[in-house]
C-alpha cells in the first residue's frame, strides 16, 4: 500500500478529514432557488485545509450538468482568463451552447477583424447565454491578495450581481490579505460576503482515520490525534512519517521529523508574515503556560488594552491563537507553535 498521507500544500490529499458541515452549507446555498449569497470567503492559517475544502466543493458542483467550474489564478489577467475559460470549457461540457463570440488566443472577437476593447461585454454575452440554458458558473480563486488583478475581477463580480448573471465565487485567503482587499476603497462590498473560518478538525474523526490506517487501538489513535491539535496539515505530516517508518507508535525520531516539517513547511512562513508588534505579542504569550490570562500577557509587555486587543484579534482570525472569551484566556491553536516561537527568541 502506498503512503495515503500527503506532504503537499494546496492539493486534495488522498486521505483527509472532510469538513462536511461547511461543504454542505456552501453547496446548498449555491444550489438554492434564491441563494442568500453568491460568494463565500474561506479563511484560515496556512495548512488549515482552505484549498482542500474549496476543491471538494468545486468537484461536487462540477458533477452537476448545470454547473460550469472555472479556476482563476491571481497572478494572471483574471478577466481575460475568465473569458477564455468560459468559451473553451463551455464548448467542452456544453457543446450545444453556442456563443455569438469566438475566441482567438485569450482575446474575444466577433469576427476575424473586429475586437472589443472591453472584455466585460463579451463575458456578459456569454454569461447571458449560459443563463438562458440554466447553467451556473462557479469561479474558484485560491489565496486572494489585494492586487489589481483581483480588484478588477471582484469589481466585475459586483457588476454580475447587479445584472443577475449566474456567477458564484469561492475564494480562499489568509485573514490579513483578505482584510487588505476588503479595506480598499472600491472593495468594501466584500465585507458583506460570508466568511467560513476554518477551525480545528474533529479530533475523533482524525483518530478514527489513524486507527484504521495503522491498525491501532482507540486510545493510541486518539493520543496521536492530540499531537495535531486538529491542524489539517499536521494530520497529514504526522501520518506520513509514521507510515514511512512502518511503526505503529510515535517515537522521538518521528516526533522530531514532525515538528521540523511543521516549522520548515508552515511556521517559518507564518512567522515572517507577522508584523513586529504581532511577533512581540506572540513571543510574550509563549513565555507563559497555556490558557494564560490576557491581562497577564498585556501587563508583561506594558501594552494598553486597545492595542493588545487589536493584535489579539488579528492573531486569532489568522488561526494562530485561540481564546476563551468568557474567561480571557489565551493559548496557541497550532501544534507545537509555542515551542517554535520560543526558539525564535534564543
C-alpha atoms as a PDB file:
ATOM      1  CA  UNK A   1       0.000   0.000   0.000  1.00  0.00           C
ATOM      2  CA  UNK A   2       1.283   3.443  -0.927  1.00  0.00           C
ATOM      3  CA  UNK A   3       1.526   6.133   1.729  1.00  0.00           C
ATOM      4  CA  UNK A   4      -2.003   7.636   1.861  1.00  0.00           C
ATOM      5  CA  UNK A   5      -0.817  10.841   3.542  1.00  0.00           C
ATOM      6  CA  UNK A   6       0.470  13.890   1.668  1.00  0.00           C
ATOM      7  CA  UNK A   7       3.174  16.466   2.359  1.00  0.00           C
ATOM      8  CA  UNK A   8       1.966  18.786  -0.420  1.00  0.00           C
ATOM      9  CA  UNK A   9       0.303  22.120   0.240  1.00  0.00           C
ATOM     10  CA  UNK A  10      -2.718  23.246  -1.740  1.00  0.00           C
ATOM     11  CA  UNK A  11      -3.742  19.871  -3.159  1.00  0.00           C
ATOM     12  CA  UNK A  12      -6.545  17.486  -2.261  1.00  0.00           C
ATOM     13  CA  UNK A  13      -4.847  14.605  -0.446  1.00  0.00           C
ATOM     14  CA  UNK A  14      -5.872  11.003  -0.925  1.00  0.00           C
ATOM     15  CA  UNK A  15      -6.778  10.752   2.743  1.00  0.00           C
ATOM     16  CA  UNK A  16      -8.314  13.714   4.525  1.00  0.00           C
ATOM     17  CA  UNK A  17     -10.931  14.680   7.086  1.00  0.00           C
ATOM     18  CA  UNK A  18     -13.927  16.187   5.264  1.00  0.00           C
ATOM     19  CA  UNK A  19     -15.479  19.384   6.555  1.00  0.00           C
ATOM     20  CA  UNK A  20     -18.943  18.110   5.805  1.00  0.00           C
ATOM     21  CA  UNK A  21     -20.906  20.857   7.533  1.00  0.00           C
ATOM     22  CA  UNK A  22     -19.098  23.709   5.787  1.00  0.00           C
ATOM     23  CA  UNK A  23     -19.117  21.906   2.440  1.00  0.00           C
ATOM     24  CA  UNK A  24     -22.850  21.206   2.530  1.00  0.00           C
ATOM     25  CA  UNK A  25     -23.642  24.755   3.643  1.00  0.00           C
ATOM     26  CA  UNK A  26     -21.862  26.248   0.622  1.00  0.00           C
ATOM     27  CA  UNK A  27     -23.267  23.745  -1.868  1.00  0.00           C
ATOM     28  CA  UNK A  28     -26.840  24.043  -0.578  1.00  0.00           C
ATOM     29  CA  UNK A  29     -26.643  27.849  -0.646  1.00  0.00           C
ATOM     30  CA  UNK A  30     -25.310  27.993  -4.199  1.00  0.00           C
ATOM     31  CA  UNK A  31     -27.897  25.452  -5.363  1.00  0.00           C
ATOM     32  CA  UNK A  32     -30.801  27.300  -3.746  1.00  0.00           C
ATOM     33  CA  UNK A  33     -33.519  28.701  -5.980  1.00  0.00           C
ATOM     34  CA  UNK A  34     -32.910  32.095  -4.377  1.00  0.00           C
ATOM     35  CA  UNK A  35     -29.326  31.984  -2.991  1.00  0.00           C
ATOM     36  CA  UNK A  36     -28.700  34.097   0.105  1.00  0.00           C
ATOM     37  CA  UNK A  37     -25.201  34.800  -1.224  1.00  0.00           C
ATOM     38  CA  UNK A  38     -23.195  34.224  -4.402  1.00  0.00           C
ATOM     39  CA  UNK A  39     -19.808  34.291  -2.650  1.00  0.00           C
ATOM     40  CA  UNK A  40     -18.012  32.660   0.252  1.00  0.00           C
ATOM     41  CA  UNK A  41     -14.589  33.551   1.621  1.00  0.00           C
ATOM     42  CA  UNK A  42     -12.656  30.652   3.164  1.00  0.00           C
ATOM     43  CA  UNK A  43     -10.232  31.880   5.824  1.00  0.00           C
ATOM     44  CA  UNK A  44      -7.657  30.076   7.931  1.00  0.00           C
ATOM     45  CA  UNK A  45      -3.982  29.643   8.702  1.00  0.00           C
ATOM     46  CA  UNK A  46      -1.635  28.092   6.173  1.00  0.00           C
ATOM     47  CA  UNK A  47      -2.270  24.366   6.099  1.00  0.00           C
ATOM     48  CA  UNK A  48      -5.734  24.584   7.658  1.00  0.00           C
ATOM     49  CA  UNK A  49      -7.423  22.996   4.639  1.00  0.00           C
ATOM     50  CA  UNK A  50      -8.869  26.010   2.792  1.00  0.00           C
ATOM     51  CA  UNK A  51      -7.856  24.761  -0.652  1.00  0.00           C
ATOM     52  CA  UNK A  52      -8.985  21.215   0.142  1.00  0.00           C
ATOM     53  CA  UNK A  53     -12.457  22.461   1.094  1.00  0.00           C
ATOM     54  CA  UNK A  54     -12.667  24.685  -1.988  1.00  0.00           C
ATOM     55  CA  UNK A  55     -11.615  21.762  -4.188  1.00  0.00           C
ATOM     56  CA  UNK A  56     -14.161  19.430  -2.601  1.00  0.00           C
ATOM     57  CA  UNK A  57     -16.965  21.931  -3.206  1.00  0.00           C
ATOM     58  CA  UNK A  58     -15.927  22.586  -6.807  1.00  0.00           C
ATOM     59  CA  UNK A  59     -15.708  18.871  -7.591  1.00  0.00           C
ATOM     60  CA  UNK A  60     -19.165  18.237  -6.154  1.00  0.00           C
ATOM     61  CA  UNK A  61     -20.762  21.068  -8.100  1.00  0.00           C
ATOM     62  CA  UNK A  62     -18.902  20.248 -11.319  1.00  0.00           C
ATOM     63  CA  UNK A  63     -20.533  16.808 -11.285  1.00  0.00           C
ATOM     64  CA  UNK A  64     -23.860  18.555 -11.830  1.00  0.00           C
ATOM     65  CA  UNK A  65     -24.684  19.074 -15.504  1.00  0.00           C
ATOM     66  CA  UNK A  66     -25.976  22.551 -14.683  1.00  0.00           C
ATOM     67  CA  UNK A  67     -22.667  23.796 -13.290  1.00  0.00           C
ATOM     68  CA  UNK A  68     -19.534  25.021 -15.052  1.00  0.00           C
ATOM     69  CA  UNK A  69     -16.382  25.337 -12.922  1.00  0.00           C
ATOM     70  CA  UNK A  70     -13.595  27.803 -13.714  1.00  0.00           C
ATOM     71  CA  UNK A  71     -10.465  28.243 -11.607  1.00  0.00           C
ATOM     72  CA  UNK A  72      -8.647  31.588 -11.844  1.00  0.00           C
ATOM     73  CA  UNK A  73      -5.077  32.469 -10.879  1.00  0.00           C
ATOM     74  CA  UNK A  74      -4.456  35.788  -9.100  1.00  0.00           C
ATOM     75  CA  UNK A  75      -1.171  36.222 -10.981  1.00  0.00           C
ATOM     76  CA  UNK A  76      -2.894  36.417 -14.383  1.00  0.00           C
ATOM     77  CA  UNK A  77      -5.223  38.857 -16.121  1.00  0.00           C
ATOM     78  CA  UNK A  78      -8.261  37.333 -14.486  1.00  0.00           C
ATOM     79  CA  UNK A  79     -10.915  38.809 -16.782  1.00  0.00           C
ATOM     80  CA  UNK A  80      -9.165  37.630 -19.949  1.00  0.00           C
ATOM     81  CA  UNK A  81      -8.665  34.246 -18.336  1.00  0.00           C
ATOM     82  CA  UNK A  82     -12.340  34.128 -17.384  1.00  0.00           C
ATOM     83  CA  UNK A  83     -13.377  34.924 -20.960  1.00  0.00           C
ATOM     84  CA  UNK A  84     -11.089  32.267 -22.433  1.00  0.00           C
ATOM     85  CA  UNK A  85     -12.203  29.619 -19.923  1.00  0.00           C
ATOM     86  CA  UNK A  86     -15.886  30.417 -20.383  1.00  0.00           C
ATOM     87  CA  UNK A  87     -15.578  29.846 -24.093  1.00  0.00           C
ATOM     88  CA  UNK A  88     -13.363  26.754 -24.046  1.00  0.00           C
ATOM     89  CA  UNK A  89     -14.940  24.950 -21.092  1.00  0.00           C
ATOM     90  CA  UNK A  90     -18.477  25.589 -22.297  1.00  0.00           C
ATOM     91  CA  UNK A  91     -17.665  24.033 -25.655  1.00  0.00           C
ATOM     92  CA  UNK A  92     -16.204  21.039 -23.842  1.00  0.00           C
ATOM     93  CA  UNK A  93     -19.041  20.418 -21.367  1.00  0.00           C
ATOM     94  CA  UNK A  94     -21.980  22.016 -23.187  1.00  0.00           C
ATOM     95  CA  UNK A  95     -21.238  21.666 -26.937  1.00  0.00           C
ATOM     96  CA  UNK A  96     -24.837  22.565 -27.827  1.00  0.00           C
ATOM     97  CA  UNK A  97     -24.465  26.012 -26.245  1.00  0.00           C
ATOM     98  CA  UNK A  98     -23.412  28.476 -28.925  1.00  0.00           C
ATOM     99  CA  UNK A  99     -22.000  31.936 -28.247  1.00  0.00           C
ATOM    100  CA  UNK A 100     -22.124  34.950 -30.522  1.00  0.00           C
ATOM    101  CA  UNK A 101     -18.418  35.469 -29.862  1.00  0.00           C
ATOM    102  CA  UNK A 102     -15.396  33.422 -30.899  1.00  0.00           C
ATOM    103  CA  UNK A 103     -12.081  33.088 -29.169  1.00  0.00           C
ATOM    104  CA  UNK A 104      -8.670  33.802 -30.581  1.00  0.00           C
ATOM    105  CA  UNK A 105      -5.887  33.161 -28.100  1.00  0.00           C
ATOM    106  CA  UNK A 106      -7.085  34.923 -24.968  1.00  0.00           C
ATOM    107  CA  UNK A 107      -8.914  37.632 -26.880  1.00  0.00           C
ATOM    108  CA  UNK A 108     -12.594  37.585 -27.687  1.00  0.00           C
ATOM    109  CA  UNK A 109     -13.750  38.763 -31.104  1.00  0.00           C
ATOM    110  CA  UNK A 110     -16.999  38.934 -33.016  1.00  0.00           C
ATOM    111  CA  UNK A 111     -15.214  38.061 -36.226  1.00  0.00           C
ATOM    112  CA  UNK A 112     -11.663  37.924 -37.575  1.00  0.00           C
ATOM    113  CA  UNK A 113     -11.354  41.686 -37.848  1.00  0.00           C
ATOM    114  CA  UNK A 114     -13.361  43.417 -35.125  1.00  0.00           C
ATOM    115  CA  UNK A 115     -12.333  43.067 -31.494  1.00  0.00           C
ATOM    116  CA  UNK A 116     -13.959  44.619 -28.458  1.00  0.00           C
ATOM    117  CA  UNK A 117     -11.737  46.772 -26.278  1.00  0.00           C
ATOM    118  CA  UNK A 118     -13.916  45.957 -23.273  1.00  0.00           C
ATOM    119  CA  UNK A 119     -13.669  42.267 -22.479  1.00  0.00           C
ATOM    120  CA  UNK A 120     -16.509  42.587 -19.987  1.00  0.00           C
ATOM    121  CA  UNK A 121     -19.038  42.987 -22.807  1.00  0.00           C
ATOM    122  CA  UNK A 122     -18.033  39.613 -24.195  1.00  0.00           C
ATOM    123  CA  UNK A 123     -18.136  37.925 -20.791  1.00  0.00           C
ATOM    124  CA  UNK A 124     -21.595  39.422 -20.221  1.00  0.00           C
ATOM    125  CA  UNK A 125     -22.746  37.996 -23.522  1.00  0.00           C
ATOM    126  CA  UNK A 126     -21.514  34.507 -22.714  1.00  0.00           C
ATOM    127  CA  UNK A 127     -22.948  34.559 -19.186  1.00  0.00           C
ATOM    128  CA  UNK A 128     -26.351  35.669 -20.501  1.00  0.00           C
ATOM    129  CA  UNK A 129     -26.297  32.792 -22.975  1.00  0.00           C
ATOM    130  CA  UNK A 130     -25.464  30.348 -20.176  1.00  0.00           C
ATOM    131  CA  UNK A 131     -28.267  31.816 -18.064  1.00  0.00           C
ATOM    132  CA  UNK A 132     -30.753  31.064 -20.841  1.00  0.00           C
ATOM    133  CA  UNK A 133     -29.708  27.412 -20.566  1.00  0.00           C
ATOM    134  CA  UNK A 134     -29.995  27.493 -16.734  1.00  0.00           C
ATOM    135  CA  UNK A 135     -26.242  26.964 -16.384  1.00  0.00           C
ATOM    136  CA  UNK A 136     -24.440  28.391 -13.346  1.00  0.00           C
ATOM    137  CA  UNK A 137     -20.750  29.305 -13.240  1.00  0.00           C
ATOM    138  CA  UNK A 138     -18.612  28.570 -10.180  1.00  0.00           C
ATOM    139  CA  UNK A 139     -15.368  30.572 -10.057  1.00  0.00           C
ATOM    140  CA  UNK A 140     -12.716  29.476  -7.581  1.00  0.00           C
ATOM    141  CA  UNK A 141      -9.740  31.619  -6.610  1.00  0.00           C
ATOM    142  CA  UNK A 142      -7.014  30.367  -4.291  1.00  0.00           C
ATOM    143  CA  UNK A 143      -5.046  32.665  -1.955  1.00  0.00           C
ATOM    144  CA  UNK A 144      -6.506  36.037  -2.926  1.00  0.00           C
ATOM    145  CA  UNK A 145      -4.407  39.143  -2.382  1.00  0.00           C
ATOM    146  CA  UNK A 146      -5.006  42.867  -2.650  1.00  0.00           C
ATOM    147  CA  UNK A 147      -3.751  43.189  -6.233  1.00  0.00           C
ATOM    148  CA  UNK A 148      -5.016  44.991  -9.308  1.00  0.00           C
ATOM    149  CA  UNK A 149      -5.912  41.682 -10.974  1.00  0.00           C
ATOM    150  CA  UNK A 150      -8.073  40.646  -8.033  1.00  0.00           C
ATOM    151  CA  UNK A 151      -9.690  44.069  -7.633  1.00  0.00           C
ATOM    152  CA  UNK A 152     -10.616  44.172 -11.332  1.00  0.00           C
ATOM    153  CA  UNK A 153     -12.210  40.752 -11.038  1.00  0.00           C
ATOM    154  CA  UNK A 154     -14.157  41.447  -7.843  1.00  0.00           C
ATOM    155  CA  UNK A 155     -15.398  44.749  -9.289  1.00  0.00           C
ATOM    156  CA  UNK A 156     -16.692  42.818 -12.282  1.00  0.00           C
ATOM    157  CA  UNK A 157     -18.247  40.246  -9.937  1.00  0.00           C
ATOM    158  CA  UNK A 158     -20.192  43.071  -8.275  1.00  0.00           C
ATOM    159  CA  UNK A 159     -21.445  44.037 -11.741  1.00  0.00           C
ATOM    160  CA  UNK A 160     -22.576  40.417 -12.248  1.00  0.00           C
ATOM    161  CA  UNK A 161     -24.624  40.622  -9.063  1.00  0.00           C
ATOM    162  CA  UNK A 162     -26.353  43.799 -10.240  1.00  0.00           C
ATOM    163  CA  UNK A 163     -27.109  42.245 -13.615  1.00  0.00           C
ATOM    164  CA  UNK A 164     -28.275  38.963 -12.007  1.00  0.00           C
ATOM    165  CA  UNK A 165     -25.760  36.932 -14.014  1.00  0.00           C
ATOM    166  CA  UNK A 166     -25.266  33.285 -12.912  1.00  0.00           C
ATOM    167  CA  UNK A 167     -21.842  33.747 -11.287  1.00  0.00           C
ATOM    168  CA  UNK A 168     -20.835  32.226  -7.933  1.00  0.00           C
ATOM    169  CA  UNK A 169     -17.445  32.765  -6.336  1.00  0.00           C
ATOM    170  CA  UNK A 170     -15.477  30.751  -3.796  1.00  0.00           C
ATOM    171  CA  UNK A 171     -12.213  32.328  -2.633  1.00  0.00           C
ATOM    172  CA  UNK A 172      -9.600  31.260  -0.116  1.00  0.00           C
ATOM    173  CA  UNK A 173      -7.191  33.601   1.602  1.00  0.00           C
ATOM    174  CA  UNK A 174      -5.163  34.499   4.643  1.00  0.00           C
ATOM    175  CA  UNK A 175      -7.008  36.811   7.012  1.00  0.00           C
ATOM    176  CA  UNK A 176      -4.635  39.754   6.607  1.00  0.00           C
ATOM    177  CA  UNK A 177      -4.687  39.546   2.796  1.00  0.00           C
ATOM    178  CA  UNK A 178      -8.479  39.401   2.674  1.00  0.00           C
ATOM    179  CA  UNK A 179      -8.740  42.282   5.141  1.00  0.00           C
ATOM    180  CA  UNK A 180      -6.402  44.398   2.990  1.00  0.00           C
ATOM    181  CA  UNK A 181      -8.553  43.677  -0.055  1.00  0.00           C
ATOM    182  CA  UNK A 182     -11.801  44.490   1.749  1.00  0.00           C
ATOM    183  CA  UNK A 183     -10.417  47.755   3.099  1.00  0.00           C
ATOM    184  CA  UNK A 184      -9.616  49.006  -0.390  1.00  0.00           C
ATOM    185  CA  UNK A 185     -11.946  51.876  -1.190  1.00  0.00           C
ATOM    186  CA  UNK A 186     -13.541  50.131  -4.184  1.00  0.00           C
ATOM    187  CA  UNK A 187     -13.844  46.725  -2.490  1.00  0.00           C
ATOM    188  CA  UNK A 188     -15.713  47.422   0.739  1.00  0.00           C
ATOM    189  CA  UNK A 189     -18.726  45.483  -0.575  1.00  0.00           C
ATOM    190  CA  UNK A 190     -16.665  42.323   0.050  1.00  0.00           C
ATOM    191  CA  UNK A 191     -17.103  42.870   3.786  1.00  0.00           C
ATOM    192  CA  UNK A 192     -20.677  41.625   3.354  1.00  0.00           C
ATOM    193  CA  UNK A 193     -19.529  38.325   1.855  1.00  0.00           C
ATOM    194  CA  UNK A 194     -19.995  35.424   4.307  1.00  0.00           C
ATOM    195  CA  UNK A 195     -16.751  34.075   5.733  1.00  0.00           C
ATOM    196  CA  UNK A 196     -16.029  30.490   6.664  1.00  0.00           C
ATOM    197  CA  UNK A 197     -13.171  30.467   9.178  1.00  0.00           C
ATOM    198  CA  UNK A 198     -11.654  27.003   9.335  1.00  0.00           C
ATOM    199  CA  UNK A 199     -11.242  25.877  12.911  1.00  0.00           C
ATOM    200  CA  UNK A 200      -9.604  22.683  14.161  1.00  0.00           C
ATOM    201  CA  UNK A 201     -10.666  19.416  12.569  1.00  0.00           C
ATOM    202  CA  UNK A 202     -12.743  16.998  14.605  1.00  0.00           C
ATOM    203  CA  UNK A 203     -10.328  15.085  16.827  1.00  0.00           C
ATOM    204  CA  UNK A 204     -12.435  11.938  16.913  1.00  0.00           C
ATOM    205  CA  UNK A 205     -12.573  11.752  13.105  1.00  0.00           C
ATOM    206  CA  UNK A 206      -8.801  12.179  12.911  1.00  0.00           C
ATOM    207  CA  UNK A 207      -8.266   9.448  15.491  1.00  0.00           C
ATOM    208  CA  UNK A 208     -10.575   7.103  13.575  1.00  0.00           C
ATOM    209  CA  UNK A 209      -8.525   7.559  10.395  1.00  0.00           C
ATOM    210  CA  UNK A 210      -5.286   6.805  12.263  1.00  0.00           C
ATOM    211  CA  UNK A 211      -6.912   3.787  13.893  1.00  0.00           C
ATOM    212  CA  UNK A 212      -7.966   2.314  10.542  1.00  0.00           C
ATOM    213  CA  UNK A 213      -4.729   3.052   8.674  1.00  0.00           C
ATOM    214  CA  UNK A 214      -2.304   1.838  11.356  1.00  0.00           C
ATOM    215  CA  UNK A 215      -4.431  -0.871  12.976  1.00  0.00           C
ATOM    216  CA  UNK A 216      -4.019   0.586  16.451  1.00  0.00           C
ATOM    217  CA  UNK A 217      -6.415   0.912  19.350  1.00  0.00           C
ATOM    218  CA  UNK A 218      -8.778   3.775  20.040  1.00  0.00           C
ATOM    219  CA  UNK A 219      -6.729   5.160  22.916  1.00  0.00           C
ATOM    220  CA  UNK A 220      -3.472   5.103  20.930  1.00  0.00           C
ATOM    221  CA  UNK A 221      -5.060   6.723  17.890  1.00  0.00           C
ATOM    222  CA  UNK A 222      -6.585   9.476  19.992  1.00  0.00           C
ATOM    223  CA  UNK A 223      -3.184  10.246  21.543  1.00  0.00           C
ATOM    224  CA  UNK A 224      -1.819  10.609  18.001  1.00  0.00           C
ATOM    225  CA  UNK A 225      -4.647  12.936  17.006  1.00  0.00           C
ATOM    226  CA  UNK A 226      -3.965  15.117  20.046  1.00  0.00           C
ATOM    227  CA  UNK A 227      -0.458  15.767  18.703  1.00  0.00           C
ATOM    228  CA  UNK A 228      -2.042  17.612  15.751  1.00  0.00           C
ATOM    229  CA  UNK A 229      -4.348  19.944  17.718  1.00  0.00           C
ATOM    230  CA  UNK A 230      -6.792  19.449  14.836  1.00  0.00           C
ATOM    231  CA  UNK A 231      -4.405  21.131  12.357  1.00  0.00           C
ATOM    232  CA  UNK A 232      -5.126  19.725   8.906  1.00  0.00           C
ATOM    233  CA  UNK A 233      -1.534  19.805   7.657  1.00  0.00           C
ATOM    234  CA  UNK A 234      -0.340  18.372  10.959  1.00  0.00           C
ATOM    235  CA  UNK A 235      -2.669  15.406  10.473  1.00  0.00           C
ATOM    236  CA  UNK A 236      -1.044  14.690   7.101  1.00  0.00           C
ATOM    237  CA  UNK A 237       2.569  15.158   8.239  1.00  0.00           C
ATOM    238  CA  UNK A 238       2.325  13.018  11.357  1.00  0.00           C
ATOM    239  CA  UNK A 239       0.562  10.230   9.470  1.00  0.00           C
ATOM    240  CA  UNK A 240       3.118  10.420   6.652  1.00  0.00           C
ATOM    241  CA  UNK A 241       6.172   9.963   8.870  1.00  0.00           C
ATOM    242  CA  UNK A 242       4.589   7.207  10.936  1.00  0.00           C
ATOM    243  CA  UNK A 243       3.569   5.324   7.788  1.00  0.00           C
ATOM    244  CA  UNK A 244       7.056   5.694   6.293  1.00  0.00           C
ATOM    245  CA  UNK A 245       8.625   4.368   9.499  1.00  0.00           C
ATOM    246  CA  UNK A 246       6.462   1.217   9.340  1.00  0.00           C
ATOM    247  CA  UNK A 247       5.796   1.689  13.048  1.00  0.00           C
ATOM    248  CA  UNK A 248       2.547   1.962  14.973  1.00  0.00           C
ATOM    249  CA  UNK A 249       3.583   4.437  17.661  1.00  0.00           C
ATOM    250  CA  UNK A 250       5.131   7.906  17.514  1.00  0.00           C
ATOM    251  CA  UNK A 251       8.673   7.749  18.883  1.00  0.00           C
ATOM    252  CA  UNK A 252      11.158  10.593  19.422  1.00  0.00           C
ATOM    253  CA  UNK A 253      12.548  10.340  15.879  1.00  0.00           C
ATOM    254  CA  UNK A 254       9.110  10.610  14.263  1.00  0.00           C
ATOM    255  CA  UNK A 255       8.161  13.450  16.604  1.00  0.00           C
ATOM    256  CA  UNK A 256      11.364  15.292  15.617  1.00  0.00           C
ATOM    257  CA  UNK A 257      10.596  14.932  11.894  1.00  0.00           C
ATOM    258  CA  UNK A 258       7.011  16.017  12.526  1.00  0.00           C
ATOM    259  CA  UNK A 259       7.984  19.183  14.392  1.00  0.00           C
ATOM    260  CA  UNK A 260      10.725  20.024  11.888  1.00  0.00           C
ATOM    261  CA  UNK A 261       8.352  19.691   8.929  1.00  0.00           C
ATOM    262  CA  UNK A 262       5.774  21.878  10.649  1.00  0.00           C
ATOM    263  CA  UNK A 263       8.406  24.554  11.130  1.00  0.00           C
ATOM    264  CA  UNK A 264      10.020  24.377   7.688  1.00  0.00           C
ATOM    265  CA  UNK A 265       6.848  23.954   5.637  1.00  0.00           C
ATOM    266  CA  UNK A 266       4.455  26.204   7.534  1.00  0.00           C
ATOM    267  CA  UNK A 267       5.527  28.006  10.691  1.00  0.00           C
ATOM    268  CA  UNK A 268       8.530  29.876   9.302  1.00  0.00           C
ATOM    269  CA  UNK A 269       6.314  31.480   6.658  1.00  0.00           C
ATOM    270  CA  UNK A 270       3.573  32.246   9.188  1.00  0.00           C
ATOM    271  CA  UNK A 271       6.155  33.906  11.432  1.00  0.00           C
ATOM    272  CA  UNK A 272       7.600  36.018   8.594  1.00  0.00           C
ATOM    273  CA  UNK A 273       4.144  37.363   7.779  1.00  0.00           C
ATOM    274  CA  UNK A 274       3.577  38.697  11.296  1.00  0.00           C
ATOM    275  CA  UNK A 275       4.307  42.347  11.999  1.00  0.00           C
ATOM    276  CA  UNK A 276       6.969  43.161  14.646  1.00  0.00           C
ATOM    277  CA  UNK A 277       4.212  44.047  17.128  1.00  0.00           C
ATOM    278  CA  UNK A 278       2.356  40.787  16.430  1.00  0.00           C
ATOM    279  CA  UNK A 279       5.591  38.866  16.909  1.00  0.00           C
ATOM    280  CA  UNK A 280       6.102  40.678  20.207  1.00  0.00           C
ATOM    281  CA  UNK A 281       2.659  39.666  21.464  1.00  0.00           C
ATOM    282  CA  UNK A 282       3.179  36.088  20.264  1.00  0.00           C
ATOM    283  CA  UNK A 283       6.563  35.868  21.986  1.00  0.00           C
ATOM    284  CA  UNK A 284       5.035  37.167  25.220  1.00  0.00           C
ATOM    285  CA  UNK A 285       2.285  34.531  25.175  1.00  0.00           C
ATOM    286  CA  UNK A 286       4.829  31.776  24.538  1.00  0.00           C
ATOM    287  CA  UNK A 287       6.539  32.652  27.817  1.00  0.00           C
ATOM    288  CA  UNK A 288       3.557  31.561  29.897  1.00  0.00           C
ATOM    289  CA  UNK A 289       1.670  28.327  30.490  1.00  0.00           C
ATOM    290  CA  UNK A 290      -1.285  27.542  28.226  1.00  0.00           C
ATOM    291  CA  UNK A 291      -4.517  29.397  28.990  1.00  0.00           C
ATOM    292  CA  UNK A 292      -2.695  32.419  30.365  1.00  0.00           C
ATOM    293  CA  UNK A 293      -4.901  35.428  31.050  1.00  0.00           C
ATOM    294  CA  UNK A 294      -4.985  38.326  28.609  1.00  0.00           C
ATOM    295  CA  UNK A 295      -4.261  40.718  31.448  1.00  0.00           C
ATOM    296  CA  UNK A 296      -1.102  38.848  32.464  1.00  0.00           C
ATOM    297  CA  UNK A 297       0.325  38.906  28.950  1.00  0.00           C
ATOM    298  CA  UNK A 298      -0.641  42.516  28.300  1.00  0.00           C
ATOM    299  CA  UNK A 299       0.936  43.737  31.520  1.00  0.00           C
ATOM    300  CA  UNK A 300       4.130  41.755  30.848  1.00  0.00           C
ATOM    301  CA  UNK A 301       4.808  43.833  27.718  1.00  0.00           C
ATOM    302  CA  UNK A 302       3.242  47.031  29.055  1.00  0.00           C
ATOM    303  CA  UNK A 303       0.755  47.378  26.205  1.00  0.00           C
ATOM    304  CA  UNK A 304      -2.537  49.218  26.511  1.00  0.00           C
ATOM    305  CA  UNK A 305      -5.792  47.317  26.199  1.00  0.00           C
ATOM    306  CA  UNK A 306      -6.873  48.719  22.814  1.00  0.00           C
ATOM    307  CA  UNK A 307      -3.604  47.900  21.051  1.00  0.00           C
ATOM    308  CA  UNK A 308      -3.378  44.449  22.599  1.00  0.00           C
ATOM    309  CA  UNK A 309      -6.982  43.641  21.631  1.00  0.00           C
ATOM    310  CA  UNK A 310      -6.240  44.592  18.022  1.00  0.00           C
ATOM    311  CA  UNK A 311      -3.207  42.304  17.784  1.00  0.00           C
ATOM    312  CA  UNK A 312      -5.002  39.521  19.639  1.00  0.00           C
ATOM    313  CA  UNK A 313      -7.913  39.722  17.208  1.00  0.00           C
ATOM    314  CA  UNK A 314      -5.584  39.532  14.190  1.00  0.00           C
ATOM    315  CA  UNK A 315      -3.737  36.523  15.601  1.00  0.00           C
ATOM    316  CA  UNK A 316      -6.993  34.726  16.383  1.00  0.00           C
ATOM    317  CA  UNK A 317      -8.514  35.448  12.989  1.00  0.00           C
ATOM    318  CA  UNK A 318      -5.277  34.262  11.384  1.00  0.00           C
ATOM    319  CA  UNK A 319      -5.691  30.893  13.095  1.00  0.00           C
ATOM    320  CA  UNK A 320      -2.607  31.261  15.302  1.00  0.00           C
ATOM    321  CA  UNK A 321      -4.263  31.882  18.661  1.00  0.00           C
ATOM    322  CA  UNK A 322      -7.446  30.683  20.287  1.00  0.00           C
ATOM    323  CA  UNK A 323      -9.062  32.195  23.332  1.00  0.00           C
ATOM    324  CA  UNK A 324     -11.777  31.580  25.831  1.00  0.00           C
ATOM    325  CA  UNK A 325     -13.637  34.856  25.571  1.00  0.00           C
ATOM    326  CA  UNK A 326     -15.610  34.275  28.745  1.00  0.00           C
ATOM    327  CA  UNK A 327     -12.503  33.975  30.921  1.00  0.00           C
ATOM    328  CA  UNK A 328      -9.984  35.945  28.857  1.00  0.00           C
ATOM    329  CA  UNK A 329      -7.541  33.042  28.463  1.00  0.00           C
ATOM    330  CA  UNK A 330      -5.114  32.533  25.570  1.00  0.00           C
ATOM    331  CA  UNK A 331      -3.263  29.609  24.013  1.00  0.00           C
ATOM    332  CA  UNK A 332      -1.857  28.663  20.615  1.00  0.00           C
ATOM    333  CA  UNK A 333      -4.107  26.983  18.059  1.00  0.00           C
ATOM    334  CA  UNK A 334      -1.314  25.268  16.102  1.00  0.00           C
ATOM    335  CA  UNK A 335       0.553  22.184  17.381  1.00  0.00           C
ATOM    336  CA  UNK A 336       3.966  22.944  18.888  1.00  0.00           C
ATOM    337  CA  UNK A 337       3.806  26.527  17.651  1.00  0.00           C
ATOM    338  CA  UNK A 338       4.566  27.707  21.163  1.00  0.00           C
ATOM    339  CA  UNK A 339       7.797  25.710  21.090  1.00  0.00           C
ATOM    340  CA  UNK A 340       8.634  27.153  17.662  1.00  0.00           C
ATOM    341  CA  UNK A 341       8.101  30.737  18.893  1.00  0.00           C
ATOM    342  CA  UNK A 342      10.308  30.133  21.926  1.00  0.00           C
ATOM    343  CA  UNK A 343      13.117  29.082  19.591  1.00  0.00           C
ATOM    344  CA  UNK A 344      12.849  32.393  17.735  1.00  0.00           C
ATOM    345  CA  UNK A 345      13.914  34.271  20.841  1.00  0.00           C
ATOM    346  CA  UNK A 346      17.022  32.182  21.545  1.00  0.00           C
END
